[in-house]
N, C-alpha and C. Protein backbone atom coordinates (compact mmCIF):
# COMPACT_ATOMS: atom_id res chain seq x y z
N MET A 1 0.85 -1.18 0.00
CA MET A 1 0.00 0.00 0.00
C MET A 1 0.88 1.24 0.00
N ALA A 2 0.59 2.16 -0.87
CA ALA A 2 1.33 3.41 -0.88
C ALA A 2 1.01 4.16 0.39
N LYS A 3 1.97 4.97 0.85
CA LYS A 3 1.82 5.69 2.12
C LYS A 3 0.63 6.64 2.09
N ASP A 4 0.31 7.15 0.88
CA ASP A 4 -0.78 8.11 0.81
C ASP A 4 -2.10 7.44 0.46
N GLU A 5 -2.12 6.02 0.46
CA GLU A 5 -3.36 5.34 0.13
C GLU A 5 -4.35 5.55 1.26
N ALA A 6 -5.59 5.92 0.93
CA ALA A 6 -6.61 6.19 1.93
C ALA A 6 -7.26 4.89 2.34
N LEU A 7 -7.81 4.89 3.56
CA LEU A 7 -8.53 3.74 4.09
C LEU A 7 -10.02 4.03 4.12
N LYS A 8 -10.82 3.01 3.96
CA LYS A 8 -12.27 3.17 4.07
C LYS A 8 -12.68 2.94 5.50
N ARG A 9 -13.56 3.81 5.98
CA ARG A 9 -14.08 3.64 7.34
C ARG A 9 -15.24 2.64 7.28
N LEU A 10 -15.18 1.65 8.16
CA LEU A 10 -16.22 0.62 8.19
C LEU A 10 -17.20 0.83 9.33
N GLY A 11 -16.89 1.70 10.23
CA GLY A 11 -17.74 1.91 11.40
C GLY A 11 -17.25 1.09 12.58
N GLY A 12 -17.56 1.62 13.75
CA GLY A 12 -17.12 0.92 14.96
C GLY A 12 -15.62 1.02 15.15
N GLY A 13 -14.98 2.05 14.58
CA GLY A 13 -13.54 2.21 14.72
C GLY A 13 -12.75 1.32 13.79
N ARG A 14 -13.37 0.68 12.84
CA ARG A 14 -12.71 -0.24 11.93
C ARG A 14 -12.43 0.43 10.59
N TRP A 15 -11.29 0.05 9.98
CA TRP A 15 -10.87 0.59 8.70
C TRP A 15 -10.49 -0.57 7.78
N GLU A 16 -10.52 -0.25 6.45
CA GLU A 16 -10.20 -1.30 5.47
C GLU A 16 -9.48 -0.67 4.29
N THR A 17 -8.49 -1.37 3.74
CA THR A 17 -7.79 -0.88 2.55
C THR A 17 -8.72 -0.96 1.35
N ARG A 18 -8.39 -0.22 0.30
CA ARG A 18 -9.26 -0.14 -0.87
C ARG A 18 -9.43 -1.52 -1.53
N ASP A 19 -8.37 -2.34 -1.51
CA ASP A 19 -8.49 -3.65 -2.16
C ASP A 19 -9.18 -4.68 -1.26
N GLY A 20 -9.49 -4.32 -0.04
CA GLY A 20 -10.21 -5.19 0.87
C GLY A 20 -9.36 -6.26 1.52
N ARG A 21 -8.03 -6.23 1.31
CA ARG A 21 -7.19 -7.27 1.89
C ARG A 21 -7.00 -7.07 3.38
N PHE A 22 -6.69 -5.83 3.77
CA PHE A 22 -6.37 -5.56 5.19
C PHE A 22 -7.48 -4.79 5.86
N GLN A 23 -7.69 -5.12 7.13
CA GLN A 23 -8.61 -4.36 7.96
C GLN A 23 -7.90 -4.01 9.27
N ILE A 24 -8.17 -2.80 9.73
CA ILE A 24 -7.59 -2.34 11.00
C ILE A 24 -8.71 -2.27 12.02
N GLU A 25 -8.51 -2.93 13.17
CA GLU A 25 -9.55 -2.96 14.19
C GLU A 25 -8.96 -2.57 15.55
N PRO A 26 -9.74 -1.82 16.33
CA PRO A 26 -9.27 -1.47 17.66
C PRO A 26 -9.36 -2.68 18.59
N GLU A 27 -8.41 -2.76 19.52
CA GLU A 27 -8.42 -3.86 20.48
C GLU A 27 -7.74 -3.43 21.77
N SER A 28 -8.55 -3.19 22.81
CA SER A 28 -8.05 -2.85 24.15
C SER A 28 -7.07 -1.69 24.12
N GLY A 29 -7.45 -0.63 23.43
CA GLY A 29 -6.61 0.57 23.40
C GLY A 29 -5.50 0.50 22.39
N THR A 30 -5.38 -0.57 21.62
CA THR A 30 -4.36 -0.69 20.59
C THR A 30 -5.06 -1.01 19.28
N TRP A 31 -4.26 -1.30 18.25
CA TRP A 31 -4.81 -1.60 16.93
C TRP A 31 -4.19 -2.89 16.40
N VAL A 32 -5.00 -3.67 15.70
CA VAL A 32 -4.49 -4.89 15.08
C VAL A 32 -4.88 -4.89 13.62
N ILE A 33 -4.12 -5.64 12.82
CA ILE A 33 -4.38 -5.73 11.39
C ILE A 33 -4.87 -7.15 11.08
N VAL A 34 -5.97 -7.24 10.36
CA VAL A 34 -6.52 -8.53 9.93
C VAL A 34 -6.23 -8.69 8.45
N ASP A 35 -5.44 -9.74 8.12
CA ASP A 35 -5.11 -10.01 6.72
C ASP A 35 -6.11 -11.04 6.21
N THR A 36 -7.04 -10.64 5.35
CA THR A 36 -8.12 -11.53 4.91
C THR A 36 -7.68 -12.53 3.85
N THR A 37 -6.44 -12.40 3.36
CA THR A 37 -5.96 -13.33 2.33
C THR A 37 -5.10 -14.45 2.91
N GLN A 38 -4.77 -14.36 4.18
CA GLN A 38 -3.96 -15.39 4.82
C GLN A 38 -4.70 -15.90 6.06
N THR A 39 -4.41 -17.15 6.41
CA THR A 39 -5.06 -17.76 7.58
C THR A 39 -4.00 -18.28 8.54
N ASN A 40 -4.41 -18.39 9.76
CA ASN A 40 -3.51 -18.95 10.76
C ASN A 40 -3.67 -20.47 10.83
N GLU A 41 -3.05 -21.11 11.84
CA GLU A 41 -3.10 -22.57 11.94
C GLU A 41 -4.49 -23.11 12.22
N PHE A 42 -5.42 -22.23 12.62
CA PHE A 42 -6.79 -22.66 12.89
C PHE A 42 -7.73 -22.36 11.73
N GLY A 43 -7.19 -21.89 10.62
CA GLY A 43 -8.01 -21.58 9.45
C GLY A 43 -8.70 -20.24 9.52
N LEU A 44 -8.35 -19.39 10.48
CA LEU A 44 -8.96 -18.07 10.62
C LEU A 44 -8.06 -17.02 9.99
N PRO A 45 -8.64 -15.84 9.63
CA PRO A 45 -7.81 -14.77 9.05
C PRO A 45 -6.63 -14.42 9.96
N LEU A 46 -5.47 -14.19 9.35
CA LEU A 46 -4.25 -13.90 10.10
C LEU A 46 -4.33 -12.50 10.71
N VAL A 47 -4.03 -12.42 12.01
CA VAL A 47 -4.06 -11.15 12.75
C VAL A 47 -2.63 -10.74 13.08
N ARG A 48 -2.30 -9.47 12.79
CA ARG A 48 -0.98 -8.92 13.09
C ARG A 48 -1.15 -7.83 14.13
N GLY A 49 -0.15 -7.66 14.95
CA GLY A 49 -0.22 -6.62 15.97
C GLY A 49 -0.08 -7.20 17.35
N PRO A 50 -0.41 -6.42 18.37
CA PRO A 50 -1.07 -5.09 18.30
C PRO A 50 -0.08 -3.96 18.02
N PHE A 51 -0.67 -2.81 17.62
CA PHE A 51 0.11 -1.60 17.35
C PHE A 51 -0.41 -0.48 18.23
N ALA A 52 0.50 0.41 18.61
CA ALA A 52 0.15 1.44 19.59
C ALA A 52 -0.75 2.53 19.01
N SER A 53 -0.69 2.73 17.70
CA SER A 53 -1.49 3.82 17.11
C SER A 53 -2.01 3.39 15.76
N LEU A 54 -2.97 4.15 15.26
CA LEU A 54 -3.52 3.88 13.94
C LEU A 54 -2.46 4.07 12.86
N GLY A 55 -1.59 5.07 13.05
CA GLY A 55 -0.52 5.31 12.08
C GLY A 55 0.44 4.15 12.01
N ALA A 56 0.78 3.60 13.17
CA ALA A 56 1.69 2.45 13.18
C ALA A 56 1.06 1.27 12.48
N ALA A 57 -0.25 1.09 12.62
CA ALA A 57 -0.93 0.00 11.94
C ALA A 57 -0.88 0.19 10.43
N LYS A 58 -1.05 1.48 9.95
CA LYS A 58 -0.97 1.77 8.53
C LYS A 58 0.40 1.43 7.97
N GLU A 59 1.46 1.79 8.72
CA GLU A 59 2.82 1.48 8.26
C GLU A 59 3.04 -0.03 8.23
N ALA A 60 2.44 -0.75 9.17
CA ALA A 60 2.60 -2.20 9.19
C ALA A 60 1.94 -2.86 7.99
N ILE A 61 0.87 -2.22 7.49
CA ILE A 61 0.23 -2.76 6.29
C ILE A 61 1.17 -2.67 5.11
N GLU A 62 1.88 -1.54 4.99
CA GLU A 62 2.83 -1.38 3.90
C GLU A 62 3.94 -2.41 4.00
N THR A 63 4.42 -2.64 5.22
CA THR A 63 5.48 -3.65 5.42
C THR A 63 4.98 -5.04 5.06
N ALA A 64 3.72 -5.32 5.43
CA ALA A 64 3.16 -6.64 5.15
C ALA A 64 3.04 -6.90 3.66
N ARG A 65 2.70 -5.85 2.89
CA ARG A 65 2.59 -6.02 1.44
C ARG A 65 3.94 -6.32 0.83
N GLU A 66 5.00 -5.69 1.34
CA GLU A 66 6.34 -5.86 0.78
C GLU A 66 6.98 -7.16 1.27
N GLY A 67 6.66 -7.58 2.50
CA GLY A 67 7.35 -8.74 3.09
C GLY A 67 6.76 -10.09 2.72
N GLY A 68 5.57 -10.12 2.18
CA GLY A 68 4.98 -11.41 1.83
C GLY A 68 4.28 -12.03 3.03
N PRO A 69 3.79 -13.24 2.88
CA PRO A 69 3.02 -13.90 3.95
C PRO A 69 3.86 -14.20 5.18
N VAL A 70 3.25 -14.10 6.31
CA VAL A 70 3.92 -14.39 7.59
C VAL A 70 3.46 -15.75 8.08
N GLU A 71 4.40 -16.59 8.45
CA GLU A 71 4.07 -17.95 8.92
C GLU A 71 3.86 -17.93 10.43
N SER A 72 2.83 -18.56 10.86
CA SER A 72 2.53 -18.63 12.29
C SER A 72 3.59 -19.45 13.01
N PRO A 73 4.01 -19.04 14.22
CA PRO A 73 5.02 -19.81 14.96
C PRO A 73 4.54 -21.21 15.31
N LEU A 74 3.23 -21.45 15.26
CA LEU A 74 2.73 -22.77 15.59
C LEU A 74 2.66 -23.68 14.37
N ALA A 75 2.89 -23.10 13.18
CA ALA A 75 2.74 -23.90 11.96
C ALA A 75 3.74 -25.04 11.92
N ALA A 76 5.01 -24.75 12.29
CA ALA A 76 6.03 -25.79 12.25
C ALA A 76 5.70 -26.91 13.23
N ARG A 77 5.19 -26.52 14.39
CA ARG A 77 4.86 -27.53 15.40
C ARG A 77 3.71 -28.42 14.93
N ILE A 78 2.75 -27.80 14.22
CA ILE A 78 1.62 -28.57 13.75
C ILE A 78 2.02 -29.51 12.62
N SER A 79 2.97 -29.05 11.78
CA SER A 79 3.38 -29.86 10.63
C SER A 79 4.25 -31.04 11.02
N GLU A 80 4.79 -31.07 12.24
CA GLU A 80 5.64 -32.18 12.66
C GLU A 80 4.82 -33.46 12.74
N PRO A 81 5.38 -34.59 12.26
CA PRO A 81 4.63 -35.86 12.35
C PRO A 81 4.42 -36.25 13.81
N LYS A 82 3.23 -36.70 14.09
CA LYS A 82 2.92 -37.10 15.47
C LYS A 82 3.56 -38.44 15.79
N GLN A 83 4.15 -38.52 16.96
CA GLN A 83 4.75 -39.76 17.39
C GLN A 83 3.66 -40.72 17.86
N PRO A 84 3.76 -41.99 17.49
CA PRO A 84 2.73 -42.94 17.96
C PRO A 84 2.80 -43.08 19.47
N PRO A 85 1.67 -43.24 20.12
CA PRO A 85 1.67 -43.39 21.58
C PRO A 85 2.43 -44.62 22.01
N ARG A 86 3.07 -44.51 23.14
CA ARG A 86 3.84 -45.64 23.67
C ARG A 86 2.91 -46.75 24.08
N SER A 87 3.33 -47.94 23.76
CA SER A 87 2.49 -49.10 24.08
C SER A 87 2.38 -49.27 25.58
N LYS A 88 1.16 -49.55 26.02
CA LYS A 88 0.93 -49.75 27.46
C LYS A 88 1.38 -51.13 27.92
N THR A 89 1.79 -51.99 26.96
CA THR A 89 2.20 -53.33 27.35
C THR A 89 3.66 -53.40 27.74
N LYS A 90 4.39 -52.26 27.62
CA LYS A 90 5.79 -52.27 28.00
C LYS A 90 5.94 -52.16 29.49
N ALA A 91 6.76 -53.02 30.04
CA ALA A 91 7.00 -52.99 31.47
C ALA A 91 8.04 -51.94 31.77
N SER A 92 8.31 -51.71 33.04
CA SER A 92 9.21 -50.65 33.47
C SER A 92 10.63 -50.88 32.99
N LYS A 93 11.03 -52.13 32.74
CA LYS A 93 12.39 -52.42 32.31
C LYS A 93 12.47 -52.66 30.81
N GLY A 94 11.43 -52.31 30.07
CA GLY A 94 11.46 -52.42 28.63
C GLY A 94 10.97 -53.75 28.11
N LYS A 95 10.54 -54.66 28.97
CA LYS A 95 10.04 -55.96 28.54
C LYS A 95 8.58 -55.85 28.17
N VAL A 96 8.22 -56.41 27.02
CA VAL A 96 6.84 -56.36 26.56
C VAL A 96 6.09 -57.54 27.17
N SER A 97 5.00 -57.23 27.85
CA SER A 97 4.18 -58.27 28.47
C SER A 97 2.91 -58.42 27.67
N THR A 98 2.77 -59.50 26.94
CA THR A 98 1.60 -59.73 26.10
C THR A 98 0.55 -60.49 26.87
N THR A 99 -0.66 -60.49 26.30
CA THR A 99 -1.76 -61.22 26.93
C THR A 99 -1.47 -62.71 27.01
N ALA A 100 -0.84 -63.23 25.94
CA ALA A 100 -0.53 -64.66 25.93
C ALA A 100 0.44 -65.03 27.04
N GLU A 101 1.45 -64.15 27.28
CA GLU A 101 2.41 -64.43 28.33
C GLU A 101 1.74 -64.40 29.69
N ARG A 102 0.80 -63.43 29.88
CA ARG A 102 0.12 -63.36 31.17
C ARG A 102 -0.73 -64.58 31.40
N GLU A 103 -1.37 -65.09 30.29
CA GLU A 103 -2.19 -66.28 30.45
C GLU A 103 -1.34 -67.51 30.70
N ALA A 104 -0.08 -67.51 30.19
CA ALA A 104 0.78 -68.66 30.37
C ALA A 104 1.34 -68.75 31.78
N GLU A 105 1.34 -67.65 32.50
CA GLU A 105 1.88 -67.67 33.86
C GLU A 105 1.01 -68.55 34.74
N PRO A 106 1.62 -69.50 35.45
CA PRO A 106 0.82 -70.39 36.31
C PRO A 106 0.22 -69.63 37.48
N GLU A 107 -1.01 -69.98 37.79
CA GLU A 107 -1.66 -69.36 38.93
C GLU A 107 -1.08 -69.93 40.22
N PRO A 108 -0.95 -69.10 41.24
CA PRO A 108 -0.41 -69.61 42.51
C PRO A 108 -1.32 -70.67 43.09
N GLU A 109 -0.71 -71.71 43.64
CA GLU A 109 -1.49 -72.78 44.24
C GLU A 109 -2.19 -72.28 45.49
N PRO A 110 -3.45 -72.71 45.67
CA PRO A 110 -4.17 -72.27 46.87
C PRO A 110 -3.50 -72.79 48.14
N ARG A 111 -3.51 -71.99 49.15
CA ARG A 111 -2.88 -72.36 50.41
C ARG A 111 -3.73 -73.41 51.11
N ALA A 112 -3.05 -74.42 51.66
CA ALA A 112 -3.75 -75.49 52.35
C ALA A 112 -4.43 -74.95 53.60
N PRO A 113 -5.65 -75.40 53.88
CA PRO A 113 -6.32 -74.94 55.10
C PRO A 113 -5.57 -75.38 56.34
N PRO A 114 -5.63 -74.60 57.40
CA PRO A 114 -4.91 -74.98 58.62
C PRO A 114 -5.49 -76.24 59.24
N GLU A 115 -4.66 -76.99 59.98
CA GLU A 115 -5.13 -78.20 60.65
C GLU A 115 -6.15 -77.85 61.73
N PRO A 116 -7.12 -78.75 61.96
CA PRO A 116 -8.07 -78.49 63.05
C PRO A 116 -7.35 -78.40 64.39
N LYS A 117 -7.96 -77.71 65.32
CA LYS A 117 -7.34 -77.48 66.63
C LYS A 117 -7.06 -78.79 67.35
N TRP A 118 -7.99 -79.76 67.23
CA TRP A 118 -7.78 -81.01 67.97
C TRP A 118 -6.54 -81.75 67.49
N ILE A 119 -6.18 -81.60 66.21
CA ILE A 119 -4.95 -82.20 65.69
C ILE A 119 -3.73 -81.44 66.19
N ARG A 120 -3.81 -80.11 66.20
CA ARG A 120 -2.68 -79.31 66.69
C ARG A 120 -2.41 -79.56 68.17
N ASP A 121 -3.45 -79.94 68.91
CA ASP A 121 -3.26 -80.18 70.36
C ASP A 121 -2.67 -81.55 70.66
N LEU A 122 -2.55 -82.44 69.67
CA LEU A 122 -1.99 -83.77 69.90
C LEU A 122 -0.47 -83.73 70.02
N ARG A 123 0.08 -84.78 70.57
CA ARG A 123 1.53 -84.92 70.57
C ARG A 123 2.01 -85.14 69.13
N PRO A 124 3.27 -84.84 68.84
CA PRO A 124 3.75 -84.97 67.46
C PRO A 124 3.51 -86.35 66.86
N VAL A 125 3.72 -87.42 67.65
CA VAL A 125 3.53 -88.77 67.13
C VAL A 125 2.06 -89.01 66.80
N ASP A 126 1.17 -88.65 67.72
CA ASP A 126 -0.26 -88.83 67.48
C ASP A 126 -0.77 -87.93 66.36
N ARG A 127 -0.18 -86.75 66.26
CA ARG A 127 -0.59 -85.85 65.18
C ARG A 127 -0.29 -86.48 63.82
N ARG A 128 0.88 -87.10 63.71
CA ARG A 128 1.22 -87.77 62.46
C ARG A 128 0.28 -88.94 62.19
N LYS A 129 -0.03 -89.72 63.24
CA LYS A 129 -0.93 -90.85 63.06
C LYS A 129 -2.32 -90.39 62.61
N ALA A 130 -2.82 -89.32 63.21
CA ALA A 130 -4.15 -88.82 62.84
C ALA A 130 -4.16 -88.35 61.39
N THR A 131 -3.12 -87.63 60.98
CA THR A 131 -3.06 -87.13 59.61
C THR A 131 -2.97 -88.27 58.61
N GLU A 132 -2.14 -89.27 58.92
CA GLU A 132 -2.01 -90.41 58.02
C GLU A 132 -3.31 -91.20 57.93
N LEU A 133 -4.02 -91.36 59.05
CA LEU A 133 -5.28 -92.10 59.03
C LEU A 133 -6.32 -91.38 58.19
N ILE A 134 -6.40 -90.06 58.33
CA ILE A 134 -7.36 -89.28 57.53
C ILE A 134 -7.05 -89.42 56.05
N GLU A 135 -5.78 -89.33 55.68
CA GLU A 135 -5.39 -89.45 54.28
C GLU A 135 -5.70 -90.85 53.75
N ARG A 136 -5.48 -91.88 54.56
CA ARG A 136 -5.75 -93.25 54.12
C ARG A 136 -7.24 -93.47 53.90
N LEU A 137 -8.05 -92.98 54.82
CA LEU A 137 -9.50 -93.15 54.68
C LEU A 137 -10.03 -92.40 53.46
N GLU A 138 -9.54 -91.17 53.26
CA GLU A 138 -9.98 -90.42 52.08
C GLU A 138 -9.55 -91.11 50.80
N GLY A 139 -8.39 -91.78 50.83
CA GLY A 139 -7.94 -92.51 49.65
C GLY A 139 -8.83 -93.70 49.33
N LEU A 140 -9.58 -94.20 50.32
CA LEU A 140 -10.51 -95.30 50.11
C LEU A 140 -11.90 -94.82 49.69
N GLY A 141 -12.03 -93.54 49.47
CA GLY A 141 -13.31 -92.99 49.04
C GLY A 141 -14.22 -92.56 50.17
N ILE A 142 -13.73 -92.51 51.38
CA ILE A 142 -14.53 -92.08 52.53
C ILE A 142 -14.48 -90.56 52.60
N GLY A 143 -15.61 -89.93 52.85
CA GLY A 143 -15.68 -88.47 52.88
C GLY A 143 -14.76 -87.87 53.93
N SER A 144 -14.34 -86.65 53.66
CA SER A 144 -13.37 -86.00 54.56
C SER A 144 -13.92 -85.78 55.95
N GLU A 145 -15.22 -85.45 56.07
CA GLU A 145 -15.79 -85.23 57.39
C GLU A 145 -15.84 -86.53 58.19
N THR A 146 -16.25 -87.63 57.52
CA THR A 146 -16.27 -88.93 58.20
C THR A 146 -14.86 -89.38 58.56
N ALA A 147 -13.91 -89.17 57.66
CA ALA A 147 -12.53 -89.57 57.93
C ALA A 147 -11.97 -88.82 59.13
N GLU A 148 -12.25 -87.52 59.21
CA GLU A 148 -11.75 -86.75 60.36
C GLU A 148 -12.43 -87.19 61.64
N ALA A 149 -13.74 -87.49 61.59
CA ALA A 149 -14.46 -87.93 62.80
C ALA A 149 -13.91 -89.25 63.31
N VAL A 150 -13.62 -90.19 62.40
CA VAL A 150 -13.06 -91.48 62.81
C VAL A 150 -11.68 -91.29 63.43
N ALA A 151 -10.84 -90.47 62.80
CA ALA A 151 -9.49 -90.24 63.32
C ALA A 151 -9.54 -89.55 64.68
N ARG A 152 -10.47 -88.63 64.86
CA ARG A 152 -10.59 -87.95 66.15
C ARG A 152 -11.02 -88.92 67.24
N THR A 153 -11.98 -89.83 66.91
CA THR A 153 -12.41 -90.83 67.88
C THR A 153 -11.29 -91.81 68.19
N GLU A 154 -10.59 -92.25 67.15
CA GLU A 154 -9.55 -93.27 67.30
C GLU A 154 -8.29 -92.72 67.97
N ILE A 155 -7.80 -91.58 67.50
CA ILE A 155 -6.53 -91.04 67.99
C ILE A 155 -6.74 -90.04 69.12
N GLY A 156 -7.71 -89.15 68.93
CA GLY A 156 -7.91 -88.11 69.93
C GLY A 156 -8.52 -88.60 71.22
N HIS A 157 -9.51 -89.53 71.11
CA HIS A 157 -10.22 -89.99 72.31
C HIS A 157 -9.86 -91.41 72.70
N GLY A 158 -9.09 -92.12 71.88
CA GLY A 158 -8.69 -93.48 72.22
C GLY A 158 -9.81 -94.49 72.18
N LEU A 159 -10.84 -94.27 71.37
CA LEU A 159 -11.99 -95.17 71.25
C LEU A 159 -11.95 -95.85 69.88
N PRO A 160 -12.61 -97.03 69.77
CA PRO A 160 -12.53 -97.81 68.52
C PRO A 160 -13.36 -97.23 67.38
N GLY A 161 -13.02 -96.07 66.95
CA GLY A 161 -13.75 -95.44 65.85
C GLY A 161 -13.55 -96.15 64.53
N LEU A 162 -12.34 -96.68 64.29
CA LEU A 162 -12.08 -97.37 63.03
C LEU A 162 -12.84 -98.68 62.95
N ALA A 163 -12.92 -99.43 64.08
CA ALA A 163 -13.68 -100.69 64.09
C ALA A 163 -15.16 -100.42 63.87
N ARG A 164 -15.68 -99.34 64.47
CA ARG A 164 -17.09 -99.00 64.26
C ARG A 164 -17.36 -98.70 62.80
N LEU A 165 -16.48 -97.96 62.18
CA LEU A 165 -16.66 -97.66 60.76
C LEU A 165 -16.64 -98.94 59.94
N ALA A 166 -15.73 -99.86 60.26
CA ALA A 166 -15.64 -101.12 59.52
C ALA A 166 -16.92 -101.93 59.66
N ILE A 167 -17.46 -102.02 60.88
CA ILE A 167 -18.70 -102.77 61.10
C ILE A 167 -19.84 -102.15 60.31
N GLU A 168 -19.96 -100.82 60.35
CA GLU A 168 -21.03 -100.16 59.61
C GLU A 168 -20.92 -100.46 58.11
N ARG A 169 -19.70 -100.39 57.59
CA ARG A 169 -19.51 -100.65 56.16
C ARG A 169 -19.93 -102.07 55.79
N HIS A 170 -19.52 -103.04 56.62
CA HIS A 170 -19.84 -104.43 56.31
C HIS A 170 -21.33 -104.71 56.47
N LEU A 171 -21.96 -104.12 57.47
CA LEU A 171 -23.39 -104.32 57.66
C LEU A 171 -24.19 -103.76 56.48
N HIS A 172 -23.82 -102.57 56.02
CA HIS A 172 -24.50 -101.98 54.86
C HIS A 172 -24.34 -102.87 53.63
N ALA A 173 -23.12 -103.35 53.41
CA ALA A 173 -22.87 -104.17 52.22
C ALA A 173 -23.59 -105.51 52.30
N ALA A 174 -23.66 -106.11 53.52
CA ALA A 174 -24.25 -107.44 53.67
C ALA A 174 -25.77 -107.41 53.60
N THR A 175 -26.40 -106.33 54.00
CA THR A 175 -27.87 -106.29 54.08
C THR A 175 -28.52 -105.44 53.00
N ALA A 176 -27.73 -104.86 52.11
CA ALA A 176 -28.28 -103.92 51.13
C ALA A 176 -29.32 -104.56 50.22
N LYS A 177 -29.11 -105.84 49.83
CA LYS A 177 -30.00 -106.46 48.85
C LYS A 177 -30.92 -107.52 49.48
N ILE A 178 -30.92 -107.61 50.80
CA ILE A 178 -31.76 -108.61 51.46
C ILE A 178 -33.10 -107.98 51.80
N GLN A 179 -34.18 -108.68 51.43
CA GLN A 179 -35.52 -108.12 51.61
C GLN A 179 -36.19 -108.58 52.90
N ASP A 180 -35.88 -109.77 53.41
CA ASP A 180 -36.57 -110.26 54.61
C ASP A 180 -35.75 -110.02 55.86
N VAL A 181 -36.43 -109.95 56.99
CA VAL A 181 -35.77 -109.64 58.26
C VAL A 181 -34.82 -110.74 58.69
N ASP A 182 -35.24 -111.99 58.57
CA ASP A 182 -34.38 -113.09 59.01
C ASP A 182 -33.07 -113.12 58.22
N GLY A 183 -33.19 -112.90 56.95
CA GLY A 183 -31.97 -112.90 56.15
C GLY A 183 -31.03 -111.77 56.55
N ALA A 184 -31.58 -110.57 56.85
CA ALA A 184 -30.75 -109.44 57.27
C ALA A 184 -30.08 -109.72 58.60
N VAL A 185 -30.83 -110.39 59.54
CA VAL A 185 -30.25 -110.72 60.84
C VAL A 185 -29.09 -111.70 60.68
N ASN A 186 -29.30 -112.73 59.89
CA ASN A 186 -28.24 -113.71 59.67
C ASN A 186 -26.99 -113.06 59.07
N ALA A 187 -27.20 -112.16 58.10
CA ALA A 187 -26.06 -111.48 57.47
C ALA A 187 -25.34 -110.60 58.48
N ALA A 188 -26.09 -109.93 59.35
CA ALA A 188 -25.47 -109.07 60.35
C ALA A 188 -24.66 -109.87 61.35
N VAL A 189 -25.20 -111.05 61.74
CA VAL A 189 -24.47 -111.91 62.68
C VAL A 189 -23.15 -112.37 62.07
N GLU A 190 -23.18 -112.72 60.80
CA GLU A 190 -21.96 -113.16 60.13
C GLU A 190 -20.91 -112.04 60.11
N VAL A 191 -21.37 -110.82 59.91
CA VAL A 191 -20.44 -109.68 59.91
C VAL A 191 -19.80 -109.53 61.29
N LEU A 192 -20.60 -109.62 62.34
CA LEU A 192 -20.07 -109.43 63.70
C LEU A 192 -19.11 -110.55 64.09
N ILE A 193 -19.43 -111.76 63.67
CA ILE A 193 -18.55 -112.87 64.02
C ILE A 193 -17.27 -112.84 63.19
N ALA A 194 -17.36 -112.42 61.94
CA ALA A 194 -16.16 -112.38 61.08
C ALA A 194 -15.08 -111.51 61.70
N GLY A 195 -15.46 -110.36 62.20
CA GLY A 195 -14.57 -109.52 62.99
C GLY A 195 -13.32 -109.01 62.30
N GLU A 196 -13.40 -108.67 61.02
CA GLU A 196 -12.19 -108.20 60.33
C GLU A 196 -12.56 -107.39 59.10
N ASP A 197 -11.77 -106.33 58.90
CA ASP A 197 -11.88 -105.52 57.66
C ASP A 197 -10.45 -105.31 57.17
N SER A 198 -10.08 -106.12 56.19
CA SER A 198 -8.70 -106.07 55.70
C SER A 198 -8.38 -104.76 54.99
N GLU A 199 -9.38 -104.17 54.37
CA GLU A 199 -9.14 -102.91 53.65
C GLU A 199 -8.81 -101.78 54.62
N LEU A 200 -9.54 -101.72 55.74
CA LEU A 200 -9.26 -100.69 56.75
C LEU A 200 -8.16 -101.12 57.70
N GLY A 201 -7.81 -102.40 57.68
CA GLY A 201 -6.74 -102.88 58.55
C GLY A 201 -7.14 -102.90 60.02
N VAL A 202 -8.36 -103.37 60.31
CA VAL A 202 -8.84 -103.40 61.69
C VAL A 202 -9.65 -104.67 61.91
N SER A 203 -9.67 -105.15 63.15
CA SER A 203 -10.45 -106.34 63.50
C SER A 203 -11.14 -106.12 64.84
N TRP A 204 -12.11 -106.95 65.16
CA TRP A 204 -12.86 -106.83 66.40
C TRP A 204 -13.34 -108.22 66.83
N ARG A 205 -13.80 -108.31 68.06
CA ARG A 205 -14.31 -109.58 68.58
C ARG A 205 -15.66 -109.35 69.22
N LEU A 206 -16.54 -110.33 69.08
CA LEU A 206 -17.85 -110.29 69.73
C LEU A 206 -17.75 -111.15 70.99
N VAL A 207 -17.90 -110.55 72.16
CA VAL A 207 -17.73 -111.26 73.43
C VAL A 207 -18.95 -111.01 74.31
N ASP A 208 -19.12 -111.88 75.35
CA ASP A 208 -20.20 -111.67 76.31
C ASP A 208 -19.68 -110.82 77.46
N ASP A 209 -20.51 -110.68 78.51
CA ASP A 209 -20.11 -109.82 79.62
C ASP A 209 -18.99 -110.39 80.45
N ARG A 210 -18.64 -111.62 80.21
CA ARG A 210 -17.53 -112.25 80.91
C ARG A 210 -16.29 -112.30 80.04
N GLY A 211 -16.37 -111.67 78.88
CA GLY A 211 -15.22 -111.61 77.99
C GLY A 211 -15.01 -112.83 77.15
N ARG A 212 -15.99 -113.74 77.12
CA ARG A 212 -15.86 -114.96 76.31
C ARG A 212 -16.22 -114.64 74.86
N PRO A 213 -15.35 -115.02 73.90
CA PRO A 213 -15.63 -114.72 72.49
C PRO A 213 -16.80 -115.54 71.98
N ILE A 214 -17.62 -114.92 71.18
CA ILE A 214 -18.74 -115.59 70.53
C ILE A 214 -18.31 -115.88 69.10
N GLU A 215 -17.98 -117.12 68.85
CA GLU A 215 -17.45 -117.49 67.54
C GLU A 215 -18.55 -117.96 66.61
N LYS A 216 -19.64 -118.48 67.14
CA LYS A 216 -20.72 -118.93 66.29
C LYS A 216 -22.01 -118.71 67.01
N LEU A 217 -22.97 -118.14 66.34
CA LEU A 217 -24.25 -117.82 66.96
C LEU A 217 -25.37 -118.33 66.07
N GLU A 218 -26.23 -119.14 66.66
CA GLU A 218 -27.37 -119.67 65.90
C GLU A 218 -28.58 -118.78 66.19
N PRO A 219 -29.09 -118.04 65.23
CA PRO A 219 -30.26 -117.20 65.47
C PRO A 219 -31.49 -118.05 65.73
N SER A 220 -32.37 -117.58 66.59
CA SER A 220 -33.60 -118.29 66.88
C SER A 220 -34.62 -118.02 65.80
N HIS A 221 -35.48 -118.97 65.54
CA HIS A 221 -36.51 -118.82 64.54
C HIS A 221 -37.87 -118.81 65.16
């Protein structure tokens, strides 16, 4: 713009060059120049300034015409290629932890439940015997609660819990398929007289009140 080029008044304190490229607008007691032919990094008209006076703004228009387009300081930053985000699978020491590796890691074995108090209160020798008896009974398919009850009766209280279990097992097996009462009684007597369970490793005797063994019993009819 020539120094003597006049500006058009737009109203509201705004001015515009004859070719419509530049506009001068007041801003907080100063003046800025809006270049309508150039845009900033946001796609808006490029704003130059501020300038202290209207005359300084006019001189800046002349400089802008001679100097060519002005590049925004943010343009270079925007044009830089964006770096890909860092993978969240990298561990602190640079090792990549994949989903497959996490799934391959063995799960920690569950902690064994603590021993019952009655076992902990036994002497070391009896404690070992009770634990071994429970494990042996469970290995024969006997439930854990029944196995512990038998061991507590046998080891903890010194009573024939194992023999009682053996008799119950044999009685159930001997009478399960018998339909008449006499047959069930005869089978039960045979179990009591037999007095042995080799699988449980226990035996018993049927005696009278004088301690005499009953080796053969004829049921009454």
